[in-house]
Amino acid sequence: MKEFIKSKKGNLIVSVSLLVIAVVVTVIVGINFKSFSDYKVYFYESEAVTSKQKLSDYSKNLKGTVGDSDIYVLDSGVEGPSLLILGGTHPNEPSGQLTSVFFLENLKVHRGKVYIITEANRSAYTHSHPQEASPYYYSIKTASGKERIFKFGSRATNTNQQWPNPDIYVHSSGQKLTSNDTRNLNRSYPGNENGTYSEKVAYGITQLIRENDITMTIDLHEASPEYITINALVYHQRASELAGRFALEMEFCDVKISTEVSPLTLHGLTHRELGDHTNTLAFLCETSNASQGKLRGAFTEELITDGTVDKFYQKALELEQRENNDKLIYGAPTTIDERVARHAISILSIINSYNSMSKYTDSSEYSTAIGKLEIELAGLKFYSETEEPISAAKLRSNSRSIYDNIMENHLGTYLHDPE
């Protein structure tokens, strides 16, 4: 009987101890989660930013929610074409956001207008991937040596804002998609003002484009190195001729990239729905991000900013070279500098291609904004101050210079110090 009582007391002590440990761990995790959710990333607004709008200006049901993203407007005051740079659709694809930040902090517009969104799905920036043991943050060192902190979030909307997932997500087109796609912003276009959280965000972005008749939209993404659509530009079929000119521009700039037309039967994506439901010329850019892949090793902050350090992807590259070039990966893992540089030169090449095509700049058939989009980026001009136009060779040289400068001087050189 004494042994039974002793055993019972011992079990009770163990159970209570485990319960206390569980409560402590839960509290610590909860505090970390809340801290990450509430953390505000710093975005510098240069003098070139003429106004700032909110996504709720176009999707009223987002007002007062975490999804009410900022929209930065850089308006030259001179009539011309317009461009939307869309970063932060998927917060686990950091070069998309960093490229939008690079343009926000280094762009001047001399003709036309540029809209920049750095956090398209802000809800997805409030949680991460605990099952993947991914870091909450990563940092970029600025020219002064200070660390600029950015959040590494999730691909999908936080369940705090959208729950539960249906067994099957039925897109507004009637197409059936996977359950998780219901929280994927890039499966939610053209959106619904009274739909799910993700659909409300997509609706706001669609309305922004409609109401301002935005000429071009570029959505910035990353994918795992083993994903076949990598280092690529995907475009709506209305932009086919422009995409062809873009491919030549990139070839002249000596940057390898593939171009693919948007599938007619895959719905919900920017390059399909924005092209179908607005007048914009819709594009999506992909770069290679090792932290999204399944061949990778430890999920560290260094992996996010420099995929070349991963020994497993390096082994995959070696095997490809030995095994008759069989494709294990479609885009070699790279640094964050190279990924942002690729996005930056892609955006500039799209602008250069648009400006070189009279069918766009001389005719209102494609847009109400007539003329060229004239910009200056990081001190390099993409416009002429005289009556003489800048040569195509000079424009390409400037585009390539942006690419080389980021690669040689590092992205942080062009980022403002945190406040």
Protein backbone atom coordinates (compact mmCIF):
# COMPACT_ATOMS: atom_id res chain seq x y z
CA MET A 1 0.00 0.00 0.00
CA LYS A 2 2.85 2.43 0.85
CA GLU A 3 4.54 1.67 -2.46
CA PHE A 4 1.26 2.40 -4.27
CA ILE A 5 0.84 5.75 -2.47
CA LYS A 6 4.48 6.63 -3.10
CA SER A 7 4.10 5.70 -6.78
CA LYS A 8 0.88 7.69 -7.05
CA LYS A 9 2.51 10.74 -5.43
CA GLY A 10 5.53 10.41 -7.71
CA ASN A 11 3.33 10.23 -10.79
CA LEU A 12 1.42 13.29 -9.61
CA ILE A 13 4.65 15.27 -9.11
CA VAL A 14 5.87 14.26 -12.58
CA SER A 15 2.52 15.15 -14.15
CA VAL A 16 2.37 18.55 -12.45
CA SER A 17 5.99 19.26 -13.41
CA LEU A 18 5.30 18.41 -17.03
CA LEU A 19 2.17 20.56 -16.95
CA VAL A 20 4.14 23.52 -15.53
CA ILE A 21 6.83 23.09 -18.19
CA ALA A 22 4.14 22.96 -20.89
CA VAL A 23 2.53 26.15 -19.57
CA VAL A 24 5.90 27.94 -19.43
CA VAL A 25 6.78 26.86 -22.97
CA THR A 26 3.32 27.92 -24.18
CA VAL A 27 3.70 31.35 -22.57
CA ILE A 28 7.18 31.85 -24.05
CA VAL A 29 6.04 30.75 -27.50
CA GLY A 30 2.97 32.97 -27.22
CA ILE A 31 5.09 35.99 -26.28
CA ASN A 32 7.45 35.32 -29.22
CA PHE A 33 4.53 34.88 -31.59
CA LYS A 34 2.88 38.11 -30.42
CA SER A 35 6.18 39.99 -30.63
CA PHE A 36 6.75 38.80 -34.20
CA SER A 37 3.16 39.56 -35.19
CA ASP A 38 3.38 43.12 -33.82
CA TYR A 39 6.86 43.93 -35.17
CA LYS A 40 6.76 46.77 -37.69
CA VAL A 41 9.31 46.76 -40.50
CA TYR A 42 10.82 50.16 -41.28
CA PHE A 43 10.28 51.52 -44.80
CA TYR A 44 12.02 54.75 -45.74
CA GLU A 45 9.99 57.28 -47.73
CA SER A 46 12.16 59.47 -49.93
CA GLU A 47 11.17 62.88 -51.28
CA ALA A 48 10.10 61.11 -54.47
CA VAL A 49 7.06 59.67 -52.63
CA THR A 50 4.32 62.18 -53.37
CA SER A 51 1.52 60.46 -51.47
CA LYS A 52 0.63 57.32 -49.56
CA GLN A 53 -2.62 55.45 -49.91
CA LYS A 54 -4.07 52.45 -48.11
CA LEU A 55 -5.45 49.24 -49.57
CA SER A 56 -8.72 50.00 -47.76
CA ASP A 57 -9.11 52.97 -50.14
CA TYR A 58 -9.96 50.30 -52.70
CA SER A 59 -11.27 47.47 -50.50
CA LYS A 60 -13.19 49.14 -47.66
CA ASN A 61 -13.62 45.99 -45.56
CA LEU A 62 -9.86 45.93 -44.92
CA LYS A 63 -9.98 49.19 -42.97
CA GLY A 64 -8.68 48.71 -39.45
CA THR A 65 -7.31 45.23 -40.19
CA VAL A 66 -3.74 43.98 -40.45
CA GLY A 67 -4.32 43.68 -44.20
CA ASP A 68 -4.61 47.41 -44.81
CA SER A 69 -1.28 47.66 -46.65
CA ASP A 70 0.43 50.92 -47.56
CA ILE A 71 0.55 51.98 -51.21
CA TYR A 72 3.40 54.37 -52.01
CA VAL A 73 2.78 56.71 -54.94
CA LEU A 74 5.61 58.36 -56.88
CA ASP A 75 3.87 60.80 -59.21
CA SER A 76 5.92 62.93 -61.59
CA GLY A 77 3.01 65.29 -62.16
CA VAL A 78 3.50 64.78 -65.91
CA GLU A 79 0.94 62.66 -67.78
CA GLY A 80 2.30 59.34 -68.87
CA PRO A 81 2.19 55.57 -68.30
CA SER A 82 2.01 54.01 -64.85
CA LEU A 83 3.58 51.01 -63.18
CA LEU A 84 2.68 48.95 -60.10
CA ILE A 85 5.55 47.10 -58.40
CA LEU A 86 4.03 44.41 -56.19
CA GLY A 87 6.29 43.09 -53.42
CA GLY A 88 5.44 40.91 -50.44
CA THR A 89 2.81 38.68 -52.03
CA HIS A 90 4.59 35.74 -50.37
CA PRO A 91 6.65 36.86 -47.33
CA ASN A 92 8.85 33.74 -47.50
CA GLU A 93 10.14 35.03 -50.86
CA PRO A 94 12.25 37.95 -49.61
CA SER A 95 13.73 39.28 -52.86
CA GLY A 96 10.24 40.35 -53.92
CA GLN A 97 9.88 42.68 -50.96
CA LEU A 98 13.52 43.81 -51.04
CA THR A 99 13.28 44.77 -54.71
CA SER A 100 10.18 46.85 -54.02
CA VAL A 101 12.08 48.52 -51.15
CA PHE A 102 15.09 49.15 -53.40
CA PHE A 103 12.85 50.94 -55.92
CA LEU A 104 10.97 52.79 -53.17
CA GLU A 105 14.19 54.22 -51.73
CA ASN A 106 16.13 54.88 -54.97
CA LEU A 107 13.57 55.78 -57.65
CA LYS A 108 12.67 59.17 -59.09
CA VAL A 109 9.87 59.50 -61.65
CA HIS A 110 10.12 62.22 -64.32
CA ARG A 111 7.13 61.26 -66.45
CA GLY A 112 4.20 59.05 -65.51
CA LYS A 113 3.55 57.46 -62.14
CA VAL A 114 4.79 54.49 -60.13
CA TYR A 115 2.89 52.68 -57.36
CA ILE A 116 4.82 50.45 -54.94
CA ILE A 117 3.44 47.95 -52.42
CA THR A 118 6.08 46.40 -50.15
CA GLU A 119 3.75 44.17 -48.08
CA ALA A 120 0.99 42.92 -50.35
CA ASN A 121 -0.19 40.28 -47.87
CA ARG A 122 0.56 41.82 -44.47
CA SER A 123 -1.26 39.01 -42.66
CA ALA A 124 1.28 36.51 -43.99
CA TYR A 125 3.98 38.68 -42.36
CA THR A 126 2.46 38.02 -38.92
CA HIS A 127 3.37 34.31 -38.74
CA SER A 128 6.01 31.93 -40.04
CA HIS A 129 6.68 28.21 -40.61
CA PRO A 130 7.31 26.61 -37.18
CA GLN A 131 7.28 23.11 -38.71
CA GLU A 132 10.16 24.18 -40.96
CA ALA A 133 12.06 25.82 -38.08
CA SER A 134 12.40 28.96 -40.20
CA PRO A 135 13.84 32.15 -38.69
CA TYR A 136 11.47 35.01 -37.87
CA TYR A 137 13.82 37.69 -39.17
CA TYR A 138 16.78 38.27 -41.44
CA SER A 139 18.98 41.32 -41.78
CA ILE A 140 20.72 43.33 -44.50
CA LYS A 141 23.75 45.42 -43.56
CA THR A 142 23.60 49.02 -44.87
CA ALA A 143 26.57 51.09 -46.07
CA SER A 144 27.10 52.48 -42.56
CA GLY A 145 27.32 48.98 -41.12
CA LYS A 146 23.92 49.06 -39.41
CA GLU A 147 21.62 46.06 -39.62
CA ARG A 148 18.31 46.60 -41.39
CA ILE A 149 15.82 44.02 -40.07
CA PHE A 150 13.15 42.39 -42.24
CA LYS A 151 10.54 39.78 -41.39
CA PHE A 152 10.56 36.31 -42.91
CA GLY A 153 6.92 35.33 -42.90
CA SER A 154 4.69 32.68 -44.39
CA ARG A 155 3.45 31.98 -47.89
CA ALA A 156 -0.15 32.07 -46.71
CA THR A 157 -2.54 34.33 -44.83
CA ASN A 158 -2.47 33.87 -41.06
CA THR A 159 -5.25 31.60 -39.78
CA ASN A 160 -5.99 34.36 -37.24
CA GLN A 161 -7.48 36.29 -40.16
CA GLN A 162 -8.89 33.41 -42.23
CA TRP A 163 -10.14 30.13 -40.85
CA PRO A 164 -11.13 27.36 -41.41
CA ASN A 165 -9.80 26.11 -44.73
CA PRO A 166 -12.44 24.45 -46.87
CA ASP A 167 -11.81 20.87 -48.00
CA ILE A 168 -11.57 22.23 -51.56
CA TYR A 169 -11.05 25.87 -52.49
CA VAL A 170 -13.38 26.87 -55.32
CA HIS A 171 -12.06 29.95 -57.10
CA SER A 172 -14.54 32.55 -58.41
CA SER A 173 -13.93 31.14 -61.92
CA GLY A 174 -15.32 27.81 -60.73
CA GLN A 175 -11.91 26.13 -60.81
CA LYS A 176 -11.23 23.79 -57.90
CA LEU A 177 -7.92 24.28 -56.13
CA THR A 178 -6.27 22.74 -53.08
CA SER A 179 -7.47 23.56 -49.57
CA ASN A 180 -4.39 25.63 -48.71
CA ASP A 181 -4.81 27.81 -51.81
CA THR A 182 -7.71 29.53 -50.09
CA ARG A 183 -5.11 31.46 -48.03
CA ASN A 184 -2.74 32.09 -50.94
CA LEU A 185 -3.06 35.68 -52.18
CA ASN A 186 -1.72 34.62 -55.56
CA ARG A 187 -4.66 32.25 -56.05
CA SER A 188 -7.28 34.79 -54.95
CA TYR A 189 -7.45 37.30 -57.83
CA PRO A 190 -9.47 39.15 -59.03
CA GLY A 191 -10.79 39.01 -55.48
CA ASN A 192 -14.08 39.70 -53.76
CA GLU A 193 -14.94 42.74 -51.64
CA ASN A 194 -17.01 40.54 -49.31
CA GLY A 195 -15.04 37.31 -49.68
CA THR A 196 -12.30 35.73 -47.57
CA TYR A 197 -9.50 37.85 -46.16
CA SER A 198 -7.21 36.87 -49.06
CA GLU A 199 -9.92 37.70 -51.58
CA LYS A 200 -10.48 41.12 -49.98
CA VAL A 201 -6.76 41.91 -50.36
CA ALA A 202 -6.77 40.68 -53.97
CA TYR A 203 -9.88 42.78 -54.63
CA GLY A 204 -8.17 45.89 -53.26
CA ILE A 205 -5.15 45.42 -55.52
CA THR A 206 -7.39 44.74 -58.53
CA GLN A 207 -9.41 47.89 -57.81
CA LEU A 208 -6.23 49.94 -57.39
CA ILE A 209 -5.26 48.91 -60.92
CA ARG A 210 -8.75 49.46 -62.35
CA GLU A 211 -9.44 52.85 -60.81
CA ASN A 212 -6.02 54.24 -61.74
CA ASP A 213 -5.84 52.45 -65.10
CA ILE A 214 -2.33 51.26 -64.27
CA THR A 215 -0.44 50.48 -67.46
CA MET A 216 1.87 47.71 -66.23
CA THR A 217 1.89 45.47 -63.16
CA ILE A 218 4.94 43.45 -62.08
CA ASP A 219 4.49 40.87 -59.31
CA LEU A 220 7.79 39.76 -57.73
CA HIS A 221 8.30 36.19 -56.54
CA GLU A 222 10.79 33.45 -55.73
CA ALA A 223 10.64 29.66 -55.99
CA SER A 224 12.65 26.63 -54.96
CA PRO A 225 15.66 25.81 -57.16
CA GLU A 226 14.02 22.54 -58.23
CA TYR A 227 10.90 24.36 -59.52
CA ILE A 228 10.83 24.37 -63.33
CA THR A 229 9.49 27.95 -63.68
CA ILE A 230 12.54 29.67 -62.24
CA ASN A 231 14.56 32.70 -63.34
CA ALA A 232 11.58 33.39 -65.52
CA LEU A 233 9.03 36.00 -66.58
CA VAL A 234 5.40 34.88 -66.85
CA TYR A 235 3.14 37.21 -68.82
CA HIS A 236 -0.48 37.64 -69.85
CA GLN A 237 -1.08 36.94 -73.54
CA ARG A 238 -1.98 40.60 -74.22
CA ALA A 239 1.63 41.41 -73.36
CA SER A 240 3.14 38.78 -75.70
CA GLU A 241 4.87 41.22 -78.03
CA LEU A 242 6.22 43.21 -75.10
CA ALA A 243 7.50 39.99 -73.49
CA GLY A 244 9.31 39.13 -76.74
CA ARG A 245 11.01 42.52 -76.73
CA PHE A 246 11.84 42.01 -73.05
CA ALA A 247 13.59 38.72 -73.81
CA LEU A 248 15.81 40.51 -76.33
CA GLU A 249 16.56 43.27 -73.82
CA MET A 250 17.65 40.70 -71.23
CA GLU A 251 19.79 38.91 -73.82
CA PHE A 252 21.48 42.19 -74.73
CA CYS A 253 22.10 42.73 -70.99
CA ASP A 254 23.61 39.21 -70.80
CA VAL A 255 21.13 37.97 -68.20
CA LYS A 256 19.62 34.56 -68.90
CA ILE A 257 15.87 34.34 -68.35
CA SER A 258 12.99 32.37 -69.80
CA THR A 259 9.59 33.78 -70.74
CA GLU A 260 6.31 31.89 -70.45
CA VAL A 261 2.78 32.88 -71.33
CA SER A 262 0.23 32.61 -68.52
CA PRO A 263 -1.76 29.34 -68.69
CA LEU A 264 -5.33 30.02 -69.76
CA THR A 265 -6.77 27.44 -67.39
CA LEU A 266 -4.87 28.22 -64.17
CA HIS A 267 -6.89 30.81 -62.28
CA GLY A 268 -6.31 33.14 -59.36
CA LEU A 269 -2.80 34.32 -60.28
CA THR A 270 -1.83 37.93 -61.01
CA HIS A 271 -0.60 37.28 -64.55
CA ARG A 272 -3.90 35.59 -65.44
CA GLU A 273 -6.62 37.47 -63.57
CA LEU A 274 -5.21 41.01 -63.60
CA GLY A 275 -4.66 40.65 -67.34
CA ASP A 276 -8.20 39.33 -67.82
CA HIS A 277 -10.05 41.73 -65.51
CA THR A 278 -8.15 45.00 -65.97
CA ASN A 279 -6.36 46.86 -68.76
CA THR A 280 -2.95 46.35 -67.18
CA LEU A 281 -0.13 44.48 -68.88
CA ALA A 282 0.51 41.83 -66.23
CA PHE A 283 3.85 40.15 -65.47
CA LEU A 284 5.27 37.89 -62.76
CA CYS A 285 9.00 37.43 -62.10
CA GLU A 286 10.60 34.38 -60.41
CA THR A 287 14.08 33.97 -58.93
CA SER A 288 15.76 31.00 -57.21
CA ASN A 289 15.46 30.88 -53.41
CA ALA A 290 17.23 27.97 -51.67
CA SER A 291 15.30 28.46 -48.42
CA GLN A 292 12.12 27.38 -50.22
CA GLY A 293 13.63 24.17 -51.54
CA LYS A 294 13.43 20.65 -50.15
CA LEU A 295 17.06 19.67 -50.80
CA ARG A 296 18.38 22.27 -48.35
CA GLY A 297 20.06 21.71 -45.01
CA ALA A 298 19.56 23.78 -41.86
CA PHE A 299 17.06 26.64 -42.20
CA THR A 300 19.18 29.58 -41.10
CA GLU A 301 19.15 33.32 -41.68
CA GLU A 302 22.27 32.87 -43.79
CA LEU A 303 20.39 30.42 -46.04
CA ILE A 304 17.75 33.10 -46.68
CA THR A 305 20.31 35.70 -47.76
CA ASP A 306 22.88 33.40 -49.38
CA GLY A 307 21.69 30.13 -50.87
CA THR A 308 25.19 29.33 -52.14
CA VAL A 309 26.24 28.26 -48.63
CA ASP A 310 23.98 25.19 -48.63
CA LYS A 311 26.11 22.06 -49.03
CA PHE A 312 23.21 19.93 -50.25
CA TYR A 313 22.43 22.22 -53.17
CA GLN A 314 26.15 22.38 -53.93
CA LYS A 315 26.12 18.57 -54.08
CA ALA A 316 23.13 18.68 -56.43
CA LEU A 317 25.06 21.02 -58.74
CA GLU A 318 28.03 18.65 -58.71
CA LEU A 319 25.81 15.67 -59.55
CA GLU A 320 24.28 17.53 -62.48
CA GLN A 321 27.71 18.17 -63.92
CA ARG A 322 28.62 14.49 -63.58
CA GLU A 323 25.37 12.87 -64.68
CA ASN A 324 24.96 14.05 -68.27
CA ASN A 325 23.41 17.36 -67.25
CA ASP A 326 20.26 15.72 -65.90
CA LYS A 327 18.28 18.47 -64.19
CA LEU A 328 18.08 18.17 -60.42
CA ILE A 329 17.58 21.90 -60.05
CA TYR A 330 16.49 24.50 -62.60
CA GLY A 331 18.00 27.61 -61.05
CA ALA A 332 21.19 27.52 -59.02
CA PRO A 333 20.82 28.95 -55.49
CA THR A 334 22.13 32.50 -55.30
CA THR A 335 22.66 35.39 -52.92
CA ILE A 336 19.95 37.90 -52.08
CA ASP A 337 22.01 40.49 -53.98
CA GLU A 338 21.77 38.52 -57.21
CA ARG A 339 18.07 37.77 -56.75
CA VAL A 340 17.23 41.45 -56.22
CA ALA A 341 19.53 42.41 -59.10
CA ARG A 342 17.65 40.02 -61.39
CA HIS A 343 14.29 41.48 -60.37
CA ALA A 344 15.58 45.03 -60.77
CA ILE A 345 16.96 44.47 -64.28
CA SER A 346 13.74 42.66 -65.23
CA ILE A 347 11.65 45.66 -64.18
CA LEU A 348 13.94 48.06 -66.04
CA SER A 349 13.91 45.87 -69.16
CA ILE A 350 10.11 45.77 -69.13
CA ILE A 351 10.05 49.59 -68.89
CA ASN A 352 12.65 49.94 -71.68
CA SER A 353 10.70 47.51 -73.87
CA TYR A 354 7.44 49.36 -73.28
CA ASN A 355 9.06 52.71 -74.05
CA SER A 356 10.51 51.38 -77.32
CA MET A 357 7.17 50.19 -78.70
CA SER A 358 5.12 52.87 -80.43
CA LYS A 359 1.99 50.70 -80.29
CA TYR A 360 1.94 51.41 -76.55
CA THR A 361 3.38 54.91 -76.34
CA ASP A 362 1.51 56.42 -79.32
CA SER A 363 -1.90 54.77 -79.08
CA SER A 364 -4.65 54.87 -76.49
CA GLU A 365 -5.74 51.41 -77.60
CA TYR A 366 -3.64 49.88 -74.82
CA SER A 367 -3.75 52.56 -72.14
CA THR A 368 -5.08 56.02 -71.49
CA ALA A 369 -1.54 56.99 -70.40
CA ILE A 370 0.27 58.10 -73.55
CA GLY A 371 4.03 58.47 -73.84
CA LYS A 372 6.99 56.92 -72.09
CA LEU A 373 7.57 56.14 -68.43
CA GLU A 374 10.60 58.27 -67.60
CA ILE A 375 12.50 57.34 -64.46
CA GLU A 376 15.82 57.68 -62.69
CA LEU A 377 17.07 54.86 -60.48
CA ALA A 378 20.04 55.02 -58.12
CA GLY A 379 21.45 57.98 -60.00
CA LEU A 380 21.16 56.40 -63.46
CA LYS A 381 18.75 58.03 -65.92
CA PHE A 382 16.25 56.22 -68.10
CA TYR A 383 15.02 59.38 -69.80
CA SER A 384 16.41 62.22 -71.88
CA GLU A 385 16.66 65.80 -70.61
CA THR A 386 16.89 67.03 -74.20
CA GLU A 387 14.80 66.52 -77.31
CA GLU A 388 17.16 63.70 -78.31
CA PRO A 389 16.02 60.31 -77.00
CA ILE A 390 18.46 58.11 -75.09
CA SER A 391 19.69 55.28 -77.31
CA ALA A 392 18.55 51.73 -76.66
CA ALA A 393 22.18 50.78 -76.06
CA LYS A 394 22.49 53.44 -73.33
CA LEU A 395 19.29 52.29 -71.65
CA ARG A 396 20.54 48.70 -71.65
CA SER A 397 23.88 49.89 -70.30
CA ASN A 398 22.11 51.65 -67.43
CA SER A 399 19.99 48.58 -66.72
CA ARG A 400 23.08 46.39 -66.66
CA SER A 401 24.83 48.93 -64.44
CA ILE A 402 22.07 48.65 -61.85
CA TYR A 403 22.51 44.87 -61.92
CA ASP A 404 26.31 45.05 -61.63
CA ASN A 405 26.23 47.73 -58.92
CA ILE A 406 23.98 45.63 -56.69
CA MET A 407 26.14 42.57 -57.28
CA GLU A 408 29.43 44.38 -56.63
CA ASN A 409 28.41 46.83 -53.91
CA HIS A 410 25.68 44.70 -52.33
CA LEU A 411 22.02 45.58 -51.90
CA GLY A 412 22.62 47.15 -48.48
CA THR A 413 24.57 49.98 -50.12
CA TYR A 414 21.29 51.24 -51.56
CA LEU A 415 19.12 50.80 -48.46
CA HIS A 416 18.49 53.62 -46.02
CA ASP A 417 19.66 53.23 -42.42
CA PRO A 418 16.91 52.13 -40.02
CA GLU A 419 15.49 54.82 -37.74
